[in-house]
Amino acid sequence: MDLSDVSRTAILTLLGHVVASEKENIDFNDPMAALCLERLVAIASADEKKWIIRQKRMLNTLDARAMARRVETFDTIANLFISNHPKCTVINLGCGFDTRFWRIITYVDKR
């Protein structure tokens, strides 16, 4: 894949979602992040796989939880906006490996 620094940064955020989702007693759930990571690893070179695995091991629960809290804040804002404007269109620019679409659609389906 020849990952750039920008791509690596996006992967670190994705890893934070995965690690937070995997931890017990944490109410953050992002199964699409795990699926994205799985598919990303499947097409990564051997060196890139090693880098991804090493970064995932280094990411501690506290950092992953902080990332999850940030995501939850933005999800709450987006969900509130959608609730108040049910016919709106939401565009997520520059989202990289962001999985907000699947979390928000889950929220909308629960209403």
PDB file of N, CA and C in Angstrom:
ATOM      1  N   MET A   1       0.808  -1.190   0.000  1.00  0.00           N
ATOM      2  CA  MET A   1       0.000   0.000   0.000  1.00  0.00           C
ATOM      3  C   MET A   1       0.854   1.257   0.000  1.00  0.00           C
ATOM      4  N   ASP A   2       2.055   1.215   0.514  1.00  0.00           N
ATOM      5  CA  ASP A   2       2.932   2.376   0.602  1.00  0.00           C
ATOM      6  C   ASP A   2       2.280   3.497   1.403  1.00  0.00           C
ATOM      7  N   LEU A   3       2.106   3.257   2.684  1.00  0.00           N
ATOM      8  CA  LEU A   3       1.386   4.186   3.567  1.00  0.00           C
ATOM      9  C   LEU A   3       2.139   5.495   3.768  1.00  0.00           C
ATOM     10  N   SER A   4       1.438   6.598   3.546  1.00  0.00           N
ATOM     11  CA  SER A   4       1.995   7.921   3.828  1.00  0.00           C
ATOM     12  C   SER A   4       1.817   8.217   5.314  1.00  0.00           C
ATOM     13  N   ASP A   5       2.428   9.322   5.761  1.00  0.00           N
ATOM     14  CA  ASP A   5       2.256   9.721   7.164  1.00  0.00           C
ATOM     15  C   ASP A   5       0.788  10.036   7.473  1.00  0.00           C
ATOM     16  N   VAL A   6       0.086  10.642   6.510  1.00  0.00           N
ATOM     17  CA  VAL A   6      -1.331  10.954   6.700  1.00  0.00           C
ATOM     18  C   VAL A   6      -2.138   9.660   6.854  1.00  0.00           C
ATOM     19  N   SER A   7      -1.840   8.673   6.006  1.00  0.00           N
ATOM     20  CA  SER A   7      -2.535   7.381   6.093  1.00  0.00           C
ATOM     21  C   SER A   7      -2.252   6.710   7.427  1.00  0.00           C
ATOM     22  N   ARG A   8      -1.032   6.786   7.880  1.00  0.00           N
ATOM     23  CA  ARG A   8      -0.686   6.174   9.167  1.00  0.00           C
ATOM     24  C   ARG A   8      -1.446   6.846  10.315  1.00  0.00           C
ATOM     25  N   THR A   9      -1.605   8.161  10.232  1.00  0.00           N
ATOM     26  CA  THR A   9      -2.369   8.877  11.258  1.00  0.00           C
ATOM     27  C   THR A   9      -3.817   8.413  11.259  1.00  0.00           C
ATOM     28  N   ALA A  10      -4.398   8.252  10.076  1.00  0.00           N
ATOM     29  CA  ALA A  10      -5.782   7.772   9.982  1.00  0.00           C
ATOM     30  C   ALA A  10      -5.904   6.364  10.557  1.00  0.00           C
ATOM     31  N   ILE A  11      -4.908   5.548  10.317  1.00  0.00           N
ATOM     32  CA  ILE A  11      -4.927   4.173  10.846  1.00  0.00           C
ATOM     33  C   ILE A  11      -4.826   4.199  12.369  1.00  0.00           C
ATOM     34  N   LEU A  12      -4.050   5.111  12.930  1.00  0.00           N
ATOM     35  CA  LEU A  12      -3.953   5.202  14.394  1.00  0.00           C
ATOM     36  C   LEU A  12      -5.309   5.517  15.011  1.00  0.00           C
ATOM     37  N   THR A  13      -6.061   6.405  14.384  1.00  0.00           N
ATOM     38  CA  THR A  13      -7.403   6.711  14.879  1.00  0.00           C
ATOM     39  C   THR A  13      -8.297   5.481  14.783  1.00  0.00           C
ATOM     40  N   LEU A  14      -8.219   4.782  13.668  1.00  0.00           N
ATOM     41  CA  LEU A  14      -8.989   3.551  13.494  1.00  0.00           C
ATOM     42  C   LEU A  14      -8.614   2.527  14.566  1.00  0.00           C
ATOM     43  N   LEU A  15      -7.327   2.404  14.839  1.00  0.00           N
ATOM     44  CA  LEU A  15      -6.870   1.480  15.885  1.00  0.00           C
ATOM     45  C   LEU A  15      -7.437   1.856  17.248  1.00  0.00           C
ATOM     46  N   GLY A  16      -7.530   3.156  17.516  1.00  0.00           N
ATOM     47  CA  GLY A  16      -8.122   3.606  18.786  1.00  0.00           C
ATOM     48  C   GLY A  16      -9.557   3.137  18.917  1.00  0.00           C
ATOM     49  N   HIS A  17     -10.316   3.211  17.824  1.00  0.00           N
ATOM     50  CA  HIS A  17     -11.705   2.741  17.847  1.00  0.00           C
ATOM     51  C   HIS A  17     -11.762   1.239  18.108  1.00  0.00           C
ATOM     52  N   VAL A  18     -10.875   0.506  17.452  1.00  0.00           N
ATOM     53  CA  VAL A  18     -10.869  -0.952  17.612  1.00  0.00           C
ATOM     54  C   VAL A  18     -10.496  -1.334  19.036  1.00  0.00           C
ATOM     55  N   VAL A  19      -9.446  -0.744  19.555  1.00  0.00           N
ATOM     56  CA  VAL A  19      -8.996  -1.072  20.915  1.00  0.00           C
ATOM     57  C   VAL A  19     -10.073  -0.720  21.934  1.00  0.00           C
ATOM     58  N   ALA A  20     -10.691   0.451  21.793  1.00  0.00           N
ATOM     59  CA  ALA A  20     -11.756   0.842  22.727  1.00  0.00           C
ATOM     60  C   ALA A  20     -12.938  -0.113  22.631  1.00  0.00           C
ATOM     61  N   SER A  21     -13.267  -0.558  21.432  1.00  0.00           N
ATOM     62  CA  SER A  21     -14.393  -1.485  21.248  1.00  0.00           C
ATOM     63  C   SER A  21     -14.115  -2.856  21.843  1.00  0.00           C
ATOM     64  N   GLU A  22     -12.850  -3.246  21.866  1.00  0.00           N
ATOM     65  CA  GLU A  22     -12.488  -4.577  22.351  1.00  0.00           C
ATOM     66  C   GLU A  22     -12.414  -4.673  23.870  1.00  0.00           C
ATOM     67  N   LYS A  23     -12.277  -3.561  24.542  1.00  0.00           N
ATOM     68  CA  LYS A  23     -12.097  -3.576  25.997  1.00  0.00           C
ATOM     69  C   LYS A  23     -13.410  -3.834  26.717  1.00  0.00           C
ATOM     70  N   GLU A  24     -13.346  -4.639  27.735  1.00  0.00           N
ATOM     71  CA  GLU A  24     -14.518  -4.902  28.562  1.00  0.00           C
ATOM     72  C   GLU A  24     -14.827  -3.666  29.416  1.00  0.00           C
ATOM     73  N   ASN A  25     -16.071  -3.541  29.798  1.00  0.00           N
ATOM     74  CA  ASN A  25     -16.537  -2.452  30.665  1.00  0.00           C
ATOM     75  C   ASN A  25     -16.397  -1.072  30.029  1.00  0.00           C
ATOM     76  N   ILE A  26     -16.313  -1.017  28.714  1.00  0.00           N
ATOM     77  CA  ILE A  26     -16.304   0.261  28.011  1.00  0.00           C
ATOM     78  C   ILE A  26     -17.518   0.255  27.099  1.00  0.00           C
ATOM     79  N   ASP A  27     -18.308   1.303  27.178  1.00  0.00           N
ATOM     80  CA  ASP A  27     -19.570   1.328  26.442  1.00  0.00           C
ATOM     81  C   ASP A  27     -19.438   1.863  25.019  1.00  0.00           C
ATOM     82  N   PHE A  28     -18.274   1.751  24.429  1.00  0.00           N
ATOM     83  CA  PHE A  28     -18.055   2.182  23.051  1.00  0.00           C
ATOM     84  C   PHE A  28     -18.045   0.950  22.157  1.00  0.00           C
ATOM     85  N   ASN A  29     -18.839   0.985  21.111  1.00  0.00           N
ATOM     86  CA  ASN A  29     -18.924  -0.162  20.218  1.00  0.00           C
ATOM     87  C   ASN A  29     -18.825   0.314  18.779  1.00  0.00           C
ATOM     88  N   ASP A  30     -17.813  -0.157  18.072  1.00  0.00           N
ATOM     89  CA  ASP A  30     -17.607   0.246  16.684  1.00  0.00           C
ATOM     90  C   ASP A  30     -17.164  -0.973  15.870  1.00  0.00           C
ATOM     91  N   PRO A  31     -18.098  -1.892  15.599  1.00  0.00           N
ATOM     92  CA  PRO A  31     -17.725  -3.102  14.858  1.00  0.00           C
ATOM     93  C   PRO A  31     -17.238  -2.815  13.443  1.00  0.00           C
ATOM     94  N   MET A  32     -17.676  -1.713  12.845  1.00  0.00           N
ATOM     95  CA  MET A  32     -17.217  -1.391  11.503  1.00  0.00           C
ATOM     96  C   MET A  32     -15.731  -1.035  11.510  1.00  0.00           C
ATOM     97  N   ALA A  33     -15.246  -0.452  12.591  1.00  0.00           N
ATOM     98  CA  ALA A  33     -13.817  -0.148  12.705  1.00  0.00           C
ATOM     99  C   ALA A  33     -13.011  -1.442  12.674  1.00  0.00           C
ATOM    100  N   ALA A  34     -13.483  -2.460  13.401  1.00  0.00           N
ATOM    101  CA  ALA A  34     -12.790  -3.755  13.398  1.00  0.00           C
ATOM    102  C   ALA A  34     -12.792  -4.368  11.998  1.00  0.00           C
ATOM    103  N   LEU A  35     -13.911  -4.267  11.303  1.00  0.00           N
ATOM    104  CA  LEU A  35     -13.999  -4.793   9.942  1.00  0.00           C
ATOM    105  C   LEU A  35     -13.061  -4.039   8.999  1.00  0.00           C
ATOM    106  N   CYS A  36     -13.032  -2.719   9.115  1.00  0.00           N
ATOM    107  CA  CYS A  36     -12.123  -1.914   8.278  1.00  0.00           C
ATOM    108  C   CYS A  36     -10.669  -2.292   8.538  1.00  0.00           C
ATOM    109  N   LEU A  37     -10.323  -2.448   9.805  1.00  0.00           N
ATOM    110  CA  LEU A  37      -8.949  -2.818  10.147  1.00  0.00           C
ATOM    111  C   LEU A  37      -8.611  -4.199   9.594  1.00  0.00           C
ATOM    112  N   GLU A  38      -9.529  -5.127   9.727  1.00  0.00           N
ATOM    113  CA  GLU A  38      -9.317  -6.483   9.218  1.00  0.00           C
ATOM    114  C   GLU A  38      -9.047  -6.450   7.707  1.00  0.00           C
ATOM    115  N   ARG A  39      -9.840  -5.700   6.985  1.00  0.00           N
ATOM    116  CA  ARG A  39      -9.680  -5.614   5.526  1.00  0.00           C
ATOM    117  C   ARG A  39      -8.413  -4.855   5.153  1.00  0.00           C
ATOM    118  N   LEU A  40      -8.056  -3.866   5.932  1.00  0.00           N
ATOM    119  CA  LEU A  40      -6.844  -3.111   5.685  1.00  0.00           C
ATOM    120  C   LEU A  40      -5.614  -3.996   5.873  1.00  0.00           C
ATOM    121  N   VAL A  41      -5.609  -4.755   6.942  1.00  0.00           N
ATOM    122  CA  VAL A  41      -4.489  -5.661   7.209  1.00  0.00           C
ATOM    123  C   VAL A  41      -4.370  -6.715   6.107  1.00  0.00           C
ATOM    124  N   ALA A  42      -5.507  -7.145   5.571  1.00  0.00           N
ATOM    125  CA  ALA A  42      -5.497  -8.175   4.518  1.00  0.00           C
ATOM    126  C   ALA A  42      -4.777  -7.707   3.256  1.00  0.00           C
ATOM    127  N   ILE A  43      -4.780  -6.408   2.977  1.00  0.00           N
ATOM    128  CA  ILE A  43      -4.126  -5.920   1.763  1.00  0.00           C
ATOM    129  C   ILE A  43      -2.788  -5.234   2.036  1.00  0.00           C
ATOM    130  N   ALA A  44      -2.404  -5.163   3.295  1.00  0.00           N
ATOM    131  CA  ALA A  44      -1.151  -4.499   3.666  1.00  0.00           C
ATOM    132  C   ALA A  44       0.047  -5.388   3.341  1.00  0.00           C
ATOM    133  N   SER A  45       1.173  -4.734   3.088  1.00  0.00           N
ATOM    134  CA  SER A  45       2.421  -5.470   2.896  1.00  0.00           C
ATOM    135  C   SER A  45       2.862  -6.041   4.243  1.00  0.00           C
ATOM    136  N   ALA A  46       3.842  -6.915   4.220  1.00  0.00           N
ATOM    137  CA  ALA A  46       4.332  -7.531   5.465  1.00  0.00           C
ATOM    138  C   ALA A  46       4.829  -6.468   6.441  1.00  0.00           C
ATOM    139  N   ASP A  47       5.569  -5.482   5.943  1.00  0.00           N
ATOM    140  CA  ASP A  47       6.078  -4.417   6.813  1.00  0.00           C
ATOM    141  C   ASP A  47       4.943  -3.565   7.370  1.00  0.00           C
ATOM    142  N   GLU A  48       3.955  -3.282   6.543  1.00  0.00           N
ATOM    143  CA  GLU A  48       2.821  -2.482   7.003  1.00  0.00           C
ATOM    144  C   GLU A  48       2.010  -3.239   8.044  1.00  0.00           C
ATOM    145  N   LYS A  49       1.845  -4.553   7.866  1.00  0.00           N
ATOM    146  CA  LYS A  49       1.135  -5.369   8.866  1.00  0.00           C
ATOM    147  C   LYS A  49       1.865  -5.308  10.199  1.00  0.00           C
ATOM    148  N   LYS A  50       3.187  -5.416  10.151  1.00  0.00           N
ATOM    149  CA  LYS A  50       3.978  -5.356  11.382  1.00  0.00           C
ATOM    150  C   LYS A  50       3.786  -4.004  12.069  1.00  0.00           C
ATOM    151  N   TRP A  51       3.793  -2.931  11.276  1.00  0.00           N
ATOM    152  CA  TRP A  51       3.616  -1.601  11.835  1.00  0.00           C
ATOM    153  C   TRP A  51       2.245  -1.477  12.486  1.00  0.00           C
ATOM    154  N   ILE A  52       1.204  -1.943  11.809  1.00  0.00           N
ATOM    155  CA  ILE A  52      -0.167  -1.864  12.339  1.00  0.00           C
ATOM    156  C   ILE A  52      -0.291  -2.651  13.637  1.00  0.00           C
ATOM    157  N   ILE A  53       0.218  -3.867  13.649  1.00  0.00           N
ATOM    158  CA  ILE A  53       0.144  -4.713  14.845  1.00  0.00           C
ATOM    159  C   ILE A  53       0.916  -4.087  16.001  1.00  0.00           C
ATOM    160  N   ARG A  54       2.105  -3.562  15.699  1.00  0.00           N
ATOM    161  CA  ARG A  54       2.921  -2.931  16.743  1.00  0.00           C
ATOM    162  C   ARG A  54       2.186  -1.707  17.322  1.00  0.00           C
ATOM    163  N   GLN A  55       1.588  -0.892  16.471  1.00  0.00           N
ATOM    164  CA  GLN A  55       0.861   0.282  16.942  1.00  0.00           C
ATOM    165  C   GLN A  55      -0.341  -0.109  17.788  1.00  0.00           C
ATOM    166  N   LYS A  56      -1.031  -1.165  17.384  1.00  0.00           N
ATOM    167  CA  LYS A  56      -2.196  -1.614  18.152  1.00  0.00           C
ATOM    168  C   LYS A  56      -1.772  -2.094  19.537  1.00  0.00           C
ATOM    169  N   ARG A  57      -0.658  -2.807  19.615  1.00  0.00           N
ATOM    170  CA  ARG A  57      -0.171  -3.275  20.921  1.00  0.00           C
ATOM    171  C   ARG A  57       0.243  -2.116  21.812  1.00  0.00           C
ATOM    172  N   MET A  58       0.804  -1.064  21.198  1.00  0.00           N
ATOM    173  CA  MET A  58       1.308   0.076  21.971  1.00  0.00           C
ATOM    174  C   MET A  58       0.185   0.993  22.471  1.00  0.00           C
ATOM    175  N   LEU A  59      -0.951   0.946  21.808  1.00  0.00           N
ATOM    176  CA  LEU A  59      -2.067   1.822  22.175  1.00  0.00           C
ATOM    177  C   LEU A  59      -2.693   1.318  23.468  1.00  0.00           C
ATOM    178  N   ASN A  60      -2.621   2.121  24.502  1.00  0.00           N
ATOM    179  CA  ASN A  60      -3.170   1.665  25.781  1.00  0.00           C
ATOM    180  C   ASN A  60      -4.654   2.007  25.893  1.00  0.00           C
ATOM    181  N   THR A  61      -5.302   1.401  26.822  1.00  0.00           N
ATOM    182  CA  THR A  61      -6.738   1.559  27.015  1.00  0.00           C
ATOM    183  C   THR A  61      -7.119   3.009  27.290  1.00  0.00           C
ATOM    184  N   LEU A  62      -6.309   3.718  28.058  1.00  0.00           N
ATOM    185  CA  LEU A  62      -6.614   5.104  28.399  1.00  0.00           C
ATOM    186  C   LEU A  62      -6.633   5.976  27.145  1.00  0.00           C
ATOM    187  N   ASP A  63      -5.623   5.812  26.277  1.00  0.00           N
ATOM    188  CA  ASP A  63      -5.581   6.578  25.029  1.00  0.00           C
ATOM    189  C   ASP A  63      -6.749   6.208  24.122  1.00  0.00           C
ATOM    190  N   ALA A  64      -7.045   4.926  24.028  1.00  0.00           N
ATOM    191  CA  ALA A  64      -8.153   4.469  23.182  1.00  0.00           C
ATOM    192  C   ALA A  64      -9.474   5.010  23.715  1.00  0.00           C
ATOM    193  N   ARG A  65      -9.643   5.026  25.011  1.00  0.00           N
ATOM    194  CA  ARG A  65     -10.875   5.539  25.608  1.00  0.00           C
ATOM    195  C   ARG A  65     -11.006   7.040  25.353  1.00  0.00           C
ATOM    196  N   ALA A  66      -9.896   7.773  25.412  1.00  0.00           N
ATOM    197  CA  ALA A  66      -9.926   9.208  25.122  1.00  0.00           C
ATOM    198  C   ALA A  66     -10.360   9.439  23.674  1.00  0.00           C
ATOM    199  N   MET A  67      -9.859   8.629  22.768  1.00  0.00           N
ATOM    200  CA  MET A  67     -10.276   8.725  21.365  1.00  0.00           C
ATOM    201  C   MET A  67     -11.766   8.418  21.237  1.00  0.00           C
ATOM    202  N   ALA A  68     -12.221   7.415  21.953  1.00  0.00           N
ATOM    203  CA  ALA A  68     -13.638   7.023  21.891  1.00  0.00           C
ATOM    204  C   ALA A  68     -14.526   8.137  22.440  1.00  0.00           C
ATOM    205  N   ARG A  69     -14.111   8.806  23.513  1.00  0.00           N
ATOM    206  CA  ARG A  69     -14.899   9.904  24.080  1.00  0.00           C
ATOM    207  C   ARG A  69     -15.017  11.054  23.082  1.00  0.00           C
ATOM    208  N   ARG A  70     -13.934  11.335  22.385  1.00  0.00           N
ATOM    209  CA  ARG A  70     -13.961  12.390  21.360  1.00  0.00           C
ATOM    210  C   ARG A  70     -14.958  12.011  20.265  1.00  0.00           C
ATOM    211  N   VAL A  71     -14.897  10.774  19.811  1.00  0.00           N
ATOM    212  CA  VAL A  71     -15.802  10.283  18.766  1.00  0.00           C
ATOM    213  C   VAL A  71     -17.248  10.356  19.257  1.00  0.00           C
ATOM    214  N   GLU A  72     -17.486   9.927  20.478  1.00  0.00           N
ATOM    215  CA  GLU A  72     -18.842   9.948  21.033  1.00  0.00           C
ATOM    216  C   GLU A  72     -19.392  11.372  21.093  1.00  0.00           C
ATOM    217  N   THR A  73     -18.531  12.341  21.394  1.00  0.00           N
ATOM    218  CA  THR A  73     -18.965  13.737  21.445  1.00  0.00           C
ATOM    219  C   THR A  73     -19.437  14.195  20.074  1.00  0.00           C
ATOM    220  N   PHE A  74     -18.657  13.914  19.045  1.00  0.00           N
ATOM    221  CA  PHE A  74     -19.050  14.309  17.698  1.00  0.00           C
ATOM    222  C   PHE A  74     -20.270  13.524  17.216  1.00  0.00           C
ATOM    223  N   ASP A  75     -20.355  12.257  17.589  1.00  0.00           N
ATOM    224  CA  ASP A  75     -21.547  11.465  17.237  1.00  0.00           C
ATOM    225  C   ASP A  75     -22.800  12.072  17.876  1.00  0.00           C
ATOM    226  N   THR A  76     -22.686  12.487  19.132  1.00  0.00           N
ATOM    227  CA  THR A  76     -23.813  13.085  19.836  1.00  0.00           C
ATOM    228  C   THR A  76     -24.263  14.367  19.146  1.00  0.00           C
ATOM    229  N   ILE A  77     -23.301  15.176  18.750  1.00  0.00           N
ATOM    230  CA  ILE A  77     -23.629  16.425  18.047  1.00  0.00           C
ATOM    231  C   ILE A  77     -24.316  16.117  16.718  1.00  0.00           C
ATOM    232  N   ALA A  78     -23.774  15.169  15.968  1.00  0.00           N
ATOM    233  CA  ALA A  78     -24.379  14.803  14.682  1.00  0.00           C
ATOM    234  C   ALA A  78     -25.774  14.219  14.884  1.00  0.00           C
ATOM    235  N   ASN A  79     -25.926  13.359  15.873  1.00  0.00           N
ATOM    236  CA  ASN A  79     -27.235  12.751  16.135  1.00  0.00           C
ATOM    237  C   ASN A  79     -28.259  13.800  16.566  1.00  0.00           C
ATOM    238  N   LEU A  80     -27.840  14.750  17.371  1.00  0.00           N
ATOM    239  CA  LEU A  80     -28.738  15.823  17.798  1.00  0.00           C
ATOM    240  C   LEU A  80     -29.178  16.658  16.597  1.00  0.00           C
ATOM    241  N   PHE A  81     -28.228  16.974  15.729  1.00  0.00           N
ATOM    242  CA  PHE A  81     -28.565  17.743  14.536  1.00  0.00           C
ATOM    243  C   PHE A  81     -29.557  16.972  13.660  1.00  0.00           C
ATOM    244  N   ILE A  82     -29.304  15.689  13.454  1.00  0.00           N
ATOM    245  CA  ILE A  82     -30.199  14.863  12.640  1.00  0.00           C
ATOM    246  C   ILE A  82     -31.582  14.784  13.282  1.00  0.00           C
ATOM    247  N   SER A  83     -31.633  14.653  14.592  1.00  0.00           N
ATOM    248  CA  SER A  83     -32.924  14.614  15.298  1.00  0.00           C
ATOM    249  C   SER A  83     -33.717  15.897  15.101  1.00  0.00           C
ATOM    250  N   ASN A  84     -33.007  17.018  15.142  1.00  0.00           N
ATOM    251  CA  ASN A  84     -33.664  18.312  14.997  1.00  0.00           C
ATOM    252  C   ASN A  84     -33.957  18.685  13.544  1.00  0.00           C
ATOM    253  N   HIS A  85     -33.293  18.022  12.620  1.00  0.00           N
ATOM    254  CA  HIS A  85     -33.456  18.296  11.185  1.00  0.00           C
ATOM    255  C   HIS A  85     -33.556  16.960  10.445  1.00  0.00           C
ATOM    256  N   PRO A  86     -34.652  16.229  10.600  1.00  0.00           N
ATOM    257  CA  PRO A  86     -34.752  14.864  10.070  1.00  0.00           C
ATOM    258  C   PRO A  86     -34.588  14.730   8.556  1.00  0.00           C
ATOM    259  N   LYS A  87     -34.757  15.806   7.813  1.00  0.00           N
ATOM    260  CA  LYS A  87     -34.604  15.726   6.353  1.00  0.00           C
ATOM    261  C   LYS A  87     -33.250  16.263   5.895  1.00  0.00           C
ATOM    262  N   CYS A  88     -32.328  16.428   6.823  1.00  0.00           N
ATOM    263  CA  CYS A  88     -31.024  17.005   6.502  1.00  0.00           C
ATOM    264  C   CYS A  88     -30.146  16.031   5.707  1.00  0.00           C
ATOM    265  N   THR A  89     -29.104  16.580   5.169  1.00  0.00           N
ATOM    266  CA  THR A  89     -28.052  15.787   4.539  1.00  0.00           C
ATOM    267  C   THR A  89     -26.786  16.040   5.333  1.00  0.00           C
ATOM    268  N   VAL A  90     -26.082  14.997   5.716  1.00  0.00           N
ATOM    269  CA  VAL A  90     -24.841  15.126   6.463  1.00  0.00           C
ATOM    270  C   VAL A  90     -23.704  14.685   5.557  1.00  0.00           C
ATOM    271  N   ILE A  91     -22.702  15.532   5.419  1.00  0.00           N
ATOM    272  CA  ILE A  91     -21.531  15.220   4.602  1.00  0.00           C
ATOM    273  C   ILE A  91     -20.326  15.196   5.528  1.00  0.00           C
ATOM    274  N   ASN A  92     -19.573  14.138   5.482  1.00  0.00           N
ATOM    275  CA  ASN A  92     -18.414  13.958   6.336  1.00  0.00           C
ATOM    276  C   ASN A  92     -17.161  14.095   5.467  1.00  0.00           C
ATOM    277  N   LEU A  93     -16.621  15.309   5.358  1.00  0.00           N
ATOM    278  CA  LEU A  93     -15.465  15.566   4.503  1.00  0.00           C
ATOM    279  C   LEU A  93     -14.164  15.190   5.195  1.00  0.00           C
ATOM    280  N   GLY A  94     -13.231  14.678   4.427  1.00  0.00           N
ATOM    281  CA  GLY A  94     -11.914  14.353   4.959  1.00  0.00           C
ATOM    282  C   GLY A  94     -11.964  13.327   6.064  1.00  0.00           C
ATOM    283  N   CYS A  95     -12.829  12.344   5.923  1.00  0.00           N
ATOM    284  CA  CYS A  95     -13.109  11.430   7.031  1.00  0.00           C
ATOM    285  C   CYS A  95     -12.146  10.249   7.124  1.00  0.00           C
ATOM    286  N   GLY A  96     -11.350   9.982   6.113  1.00  0.00           N
ATOM    287  CA  GLY A  96     -10.395   8.881   6.202  1.00  0.00           C
ATOM    288  C   GLY A  96     -11.068   7.560   6.506  1.00  0.00           C
ATOM    289  N   PHE A  97     -10.627   6.899   7.553  1.00  0.00           N
ATOM    290  CA  PHE A  97     -11.202   5.611   7.952  1.00  0.00           C
ATOM    291  C   PHE A  97     -12.321   5.786   8.968  1.00  0.00           C
ATOM    292  N   ASP A  98     -12.935   6.946   8.997  1.00  0.00           N
ATOM    293  CA  ASP A  98     -13.992   7.228   9.965  1.00  0.00           C
ATOM    294  C   ASP A  98     -15.196   6.319   9.727  1.00  0.00           C
ATOM    295  N   THR A  99     -15.782   5.834  10.785  1.00  0.00           N
ATOM    296  CA  THR A  99     -16.928   4.916  10.707  1.00  0.00           C
ATOM    297  C   THR A  99     -18.190   5.548  11.291  1.00  0.00           C
ATOM    298  N   ARG A 100     -18.205   6.875  11.369  1.00  0.00           N
ATOM    299  CA  ARG A 100     -19.345   7.590  11.953  1.00  0.00           C
ATOM    300  C   ARG A 100     -20.653   7.253  11.228  1.00  0.00           C
ATOM    301  N   PHE A 101     -20.604   7.114   9.906  1.00  0.00           N
ATOM    302  CA  PHE A 101     -21.809   6.816   9.141  1.00  0.00           C
ATOM    303  C   PHE A 101     -22.546   5.617   9.743  1.00  0.00           C
ATOM    304  N   TRP A 102     -21.826   4.553  10.043  1.00  0.00           N
ATOM    305  CA  TRP A 102     -22.466   3.338  10.560  1.00  0.00           C
ATOM    306  C   TRP A 102     -22.953   3.522  11.986  1.00  0.00           C
ATOM    307  N   ARG A 103     -22.268   4.328  12.789  1.00  0.00           N
ATOM    308  CA  ARG A 103     -22.745   4.587  14.141  1.00  0.00           C
ATOM    309  C   ARG A 103     -23.974   5.482  14.118  1.00  0.00           C
ATOM    310  N   ILE A 104     -23.990   6.492  13.243  1.00  0.00           N
ATOM    311  CA  ILE A 104     -25.142   7.390  13.158  1.00  0.00           C
ATOM    312  C   ILE A 104     -26.334   6.667  12.564  1.00  0.00           C
ATOM    313  N   ILE A 105     -26.128   5.879  11.537  1.00  0.00           N
ATOM    314  CA  ILE A 105     -27.257   5.165  10.923  1.00  0.00           C
ATOM    315  C   ILE A 105     -27.877   4.213  11.955  1.00  0.00           C
ATOM    316  N   THR A 106     -27.062   3.656  12.818  1.00  0.00           N
ATOM    317  CA  THR A 106     -27.568   2.808  13.891  1.00  0.00           C
ATOM    318  C   THR A 106     -28.441   3.636  14.835  1.00  0.00           C
ATOM    319  N   TYR A 107     -27.994   4.840  15.136  1.00  0.00           N
ATOM    320  CA  TYR A 107     -28.746   5.739  16.010  1.00  0.00           C
ATOM    321  C   TYR A 107     -30.089   6.080  15.365  1.00  0.00           C
ATOM    322  N   VAL A 108     -30.048   6.458  14.083  1.00  0.00           N
ATOM    323  CA  VAL A 108     -31.268   6.845  13.374  1.00  0.00           C
ATOM    324  C   VAL A 108     -32.240   5.679  13.328  1.00  0.00           C
ATOM    325  N   ASP A 109     -31.742   4.459  13.123  1.00  0.00           N
ATOM    326  CA  ASP A 109     -32.598   3.277  13.081  1.00  0.00           C
ATOM    327  C   ASP A 109     -33.257   3.015  14.432  1.00  0.00           C
ATOM    328  N   LYS A 110     -32.636   3.414  15.528  1.00  0.00           N
ATOM    329  CA  LYS A 110     -33.176   3.171  16.862  1.00  0.00           C
ATOM    330  C   LYS A 110     -34.301   4.126  17.226  1.00  0.00           C
ATOM    331  N   ARG A 111     -34.401   5.233  16.514  1.00  0.00           N
ATOM    332  CA  ARG A 111     -35.433   6.245  16.827  1.00  0.00           C
ATOM    333  C   ARG A 111     -36.823   5.740  16.531  1.00  0.00           C
TER     334      ARG A 111
END
